[in-house]
Protein backbone atom coordinates (compact mmCIF):
# COMPACT_ATOMS: atom_id res chain seq x y z
CA MET A 1 -21.02 17.86 58.20
CA SER A 2 -19.75 15.53 55.43
CA LEU A 3 -21.57 18.04 52.72
CA LEU A 4 -18.94 20.83 54.58
CA VAL A 5 -16.44 18.66 54.16
CA VAL A 6 -16.81 17.56 50.56
CA ILE A 7 -17.24 21.75 49.64
CA THR A 8 -14.32 22.97 51.26
CA LEU A 9 -11.97 20.14 49.11
CA PHE A 10 -13.45 21.26 45.97
CA ALA A 11 -12.96 24.85 46.69
CA CYS A 12 -9.38 23.73 47.59
CA ASP A 13 -8.94 22.18 44.66
CA ALA A 14 -10.59 25.11 42.31
CA ASN A 15 -8.10 27.43 44.38
CA TYR A 16 -5.00 25.21 43.70
CA LYS A 17 -5.34 25.00 40.23
CA ASP A 18 -5.93 29.02 40.28
CA LYS A 19 -2.87 29.71 42.13
CA GLN A 20 -1.27 27.20 39.51
CA LYS A 21 -1.84 29.15 36.55
CA LEU A 22 -0.74 32.50 38.75
CA SER A 23 2.71 31.03 39.03
CA ILE A 24 3.06 30.73 35.16
CA LYS A 25 3.60 34.22 33.33
CA ASP A 26 1.81 35.35 30.25
CA ASP A 27 2.92 34.19 27.08
CA GLN A 28 5.53 31.83 28.76
CA PRO A 29 4.93 27.44 28.24
CA LEU A 30 4.04 25.31 30.43
CA ALA A 31 7.30 23.33 30.22
CA ILE A 32 10.79 23.48 28.55
CA GLY A 33 12.62 20.87 27.51
CA LYS A 34 16.01 20.36 25.89
CA GLN A 35 17.86 17.52 23.84
CA ILE A 36 14.19 15.83 22.95
CA ASN A 37 14.66 12.16 22.11
CA LEU A 38 10.86 10.83 22.53
CA LYS A 39 9.93 7.28 21.43
CA TYR A 40 6.28 6.11 20.81
CA THR A 41 5.71 2.41 20.45
CA ASP A 42 2.82 0.00 19.64
CA SER A 43 2.87 -3.38 20.88
CA GLY A 44 6.57 -3.20 22.00
CA LYS A 45 7.85 -1.83 18.56
CA VAL A 46 8.81 1.63 18.11
CA VAL A 47 6.98 3.08 15.41
CA SER A 48 8.34 6.27 15.96
CA ASN A 49 11.38 8.62 17.39
CA LEU A 50 11.39 12.13 17.67
CA ILE A 51 14.57 13.88 17.91
CA SER A 52 14.98 17.92 18.91
CA LYS A 53 17.31 20.10 20.74
CA SER A 54 14.31 22.08 22.43
CA LEU A 55 10.40 22.04 23.12
CA LEU A 56 8.32 24.47 24.44
CA ASP A 57 5.07 23.05 25.88
CA TYR A 58 2.05 25.31 25.51
CA SER A 59 -0.60 22.84 26.68
CA ASN A 60 -1.61 25.22 29.17
CA TYR A 61 -3.27 27.41 26.59
CA ASP A 62 -7.10 27.12 25.66
CA PHE A 63 -6.08 26.07 22.33
CA PRO A 64 -2.90 23.76 23.07
CA TYR A 65 0.39 22.88 21.22
CA GLN A 66 3.80 22.62 21.22
CA GLU A 67 6.30 23.85 19.63
CA PHE A 68 9.92 23.14 18.58
CA PRO A 69 11.57 26.49 17.81
CA GLN A 70 14.99 24.45 16.88
CA GLY A 71 13.39 22.03 14.56
CA VAL A 72 12.46 18.30 14.65
CA GLU A 73 14.06 14.87 13.10
CA VAL A 74 11.30 12.36 13.04
CA HIS A 75 11.81 9.11 12.11
CA PHE A 76 8.53 6.62 11.35
CA TRP A 77 8.86 3.02 10.85
CA GLU A 78 5.90 0.86 9.08
CA ASP A 79 6.31 -2.73 8.50
CA GLY A 80 9.61 -2.54 8.98
CA LYS A 81 10.29 0.49 6.60
CA LYS A 82 11.62 3.56 7.82
CA SER A 83 11.10 6.90 6.30
CA THR A 84 11.94 10.40 7.88
CA VAL A 85 11.15 13.87 8.18
CA THR A 86 13.30 17.19 9.38
CA SER A 87 12.53 20.97 9.42
CA ASP A 88 14.25 23.92 11.06
CA TYR A 89 11.14 24.91 12.92
CA ALA A 90 7.67 22.73 13.74
CA ILE A 91 4.66 23.01 15.67
CA ARG A 92 1.84 20.55 17.03
CA TYR A 93 -1.26 21.25 17.84
CA GLY A 94 -2.44 18.78 20.45
CA GLY A 95 -6.40 19.26 19.99
CA THR A 96 -6.47 19.36 16.16
CA GLY A 97 -3.85 16.20 15.10
CA MET A 98 -2.23 19.00 13.21
CA ILE A 99 1.64 19.28 12.63
CA ASP A 100 3.21 22.22 10.86
CA LEU A 101 6.84 21.95 9.51
CA ARG A 102 8.51 24.82 8.51
CA LYS A 103 11.66 25.80 6.81
CA ASN A 104 14.03 23.47 5.03
CA VAL A 105 11.41 20.46 5.00
CA VAL A 106 12.70 17.20 3.88
CA LEU A 107 10.72 14.12 3.98
CA ILE A 108 12.62 10.62 2.66
CA THR A 109 10.20 8.09 2.41
CA SER A 110 10.97 4.26 2.56
CA ASP A 111 10.63 3.74 -1.12
CA SER A 112 13.14 6.44 -1.68
CA LEU A 113 11.05 9.47 -2.62
CA VAL A 114 12.37 12.73 -1.80
CA LEU A 115 10.05 15.60 -1.17
CA LYS A 116 11.47 18.76 -0.29
CA ALA A 117 9.23 21.90 0.74
CA ASP A 118 9.13 25.71 2.49
CA GLN A 119 6.44 24.29 4.40
CA LEU A 120 4.21 20.74 4.86
CA TYR A 121 1.31 20.60 7.11
CA TRP A 122 0.78 16.83 8.61
CA HIS A 123 -2.74 16.03 9.82
CA GLN A 124 -1.95 12.72 11.62
CA THR A 125 -5.38 11.81 12.22
CA ASN A 126 -6.70 11.86 8.65
CA ARG A 127 -3.18 10.63 7.35
CA TRP A 128 -2.64 13.40 4.78
CA VAL A 129 0.15 15.37 3.96
CA PHE A 130 -0.33 19.02 1.90
CA THR A 131 1.13 22.62 1.33
CA ASP A 132 0.28 25.85 -0.12
CA GLN A 133 4.31 26.74 -0.59
CA PRO A 134 6.90 25.49 -3.25
CA TYR A 135 8.17 22.29 -3.63
CA GLN A 136 10.00 19.29 -5.09
CA ILE A 137 9.25 16.01 -5.22
CA LYS A 138 12.12 13.14 -6.38
CA PHE A 139 11.01 9.63 -7.12
CA LYS A 140 13.22 6.67 -7.12
CA ASP A 141 12.73 6.01 -10.92
CA GLY A 142 14.65 10.01 -11.54
CA SER A 143 11.17 11.28 -12.56
CA TYR A 144 10.82 14.45 -10.73
CA ASN A 145 7.58 17.31 -9.94
CA ASP A 146 8.04 20.90 -9.20
CA GLY A 147 4.83 22.77 -8.07
CA SER A 148 3.46 25.33 -5.62
CA ARG A 149 1.01 23.31 -3.51
CA PHE A 150 -0.38 20.16 -3.38
CA ASP A 151 -2.52 17.69 -1.50
CA SER A 152 -1.54 13.29 -0.73
CA SER A 153 -2.16 10.91 1.18
CA GLN A 154 0.95 10.67 3.88
CA ASP A 155 1.88 7.36 1.81
CA PHE A 156 1.87 9.27 -1.69
CA THR A 157 -0.58 6.78 -3.33
CA GLU A 158 -3.47 9.50 -3.77
CA PHE A 159 -1.57 12.46 -4.82
CA ILE A 160 -3.17 15.67 -6.35
CA SER A 161 -0.96 18.77 -7.68
CA ARG A 162 -1.29 22.09 -8.81
CA LYS A 163 0.63 24.62 -10.74
CA ASN A 164 3.89 22.25 -11.84
CA THR A 165 5.87 20.89 -13.92
CA GLY A 166 8.21 17.97 -13.95
CA VAL A 167 9.58 14.96 -15.80
CA GLN A 168 7.52 11.91 -15.36
CA LEU A 169 9.32 8.47 -16.63
CA ILE A 170 6.90 5.80 -18.27
CA GLU A 171 7.73 2.36 -18.91
CA GLN A 172 6.64 1.54 -22.49
CA GLN A 173 5.48 -2.25 -22.59
CA GLN A 174 5.16 -4.06 -26.00
CA THR A 175 1.80 -5.19 -26.74
CA GLN A 176 1.12 -8.67 -29.17
CA GLU A 177 -0.01 -6.01 -32.05
CA ASP A 178 3.55 -4.31 -31.82
CA ALA A 179 5.10 -7.29 -31.86
CA LYS A 180 3.58 -8.36 -35.13
């Protein structure tokens, strides 16, 4: 008798999930959000804040993702220093840790680096950013780099640029031999 009850419960659970899927139309999001203001905390401190006019949640798909068709504004804090990224469109792929930012992407780091790009990918897990689209970076000291693609750690300490032009300002240091 108890085996029959267990089988019946599992059968009901499967039927409920099937009915739930049937109530969602093809190509429709599981949820729609408006005026999003999501704060992520770690140890009681806000470490990021995502702001968006709209969110389409497709976490019901085999390859789940969240789409921000009206863009995003994201603020990050690390060691009390704030960085900000904005774009006119964004998509976050849940299973891969990848974020795809598109159209008028602007990243301003806490140390005044300003990156502008047509598209920017951010791999959250690997802490890596890259693009194969045109971009421009302006550094705090006034130097800049215009290029067509780059790979970089998210803090820009490792940066590989391809097909670029720019101006690099280098401080000249006087050595003891120069002083003689």
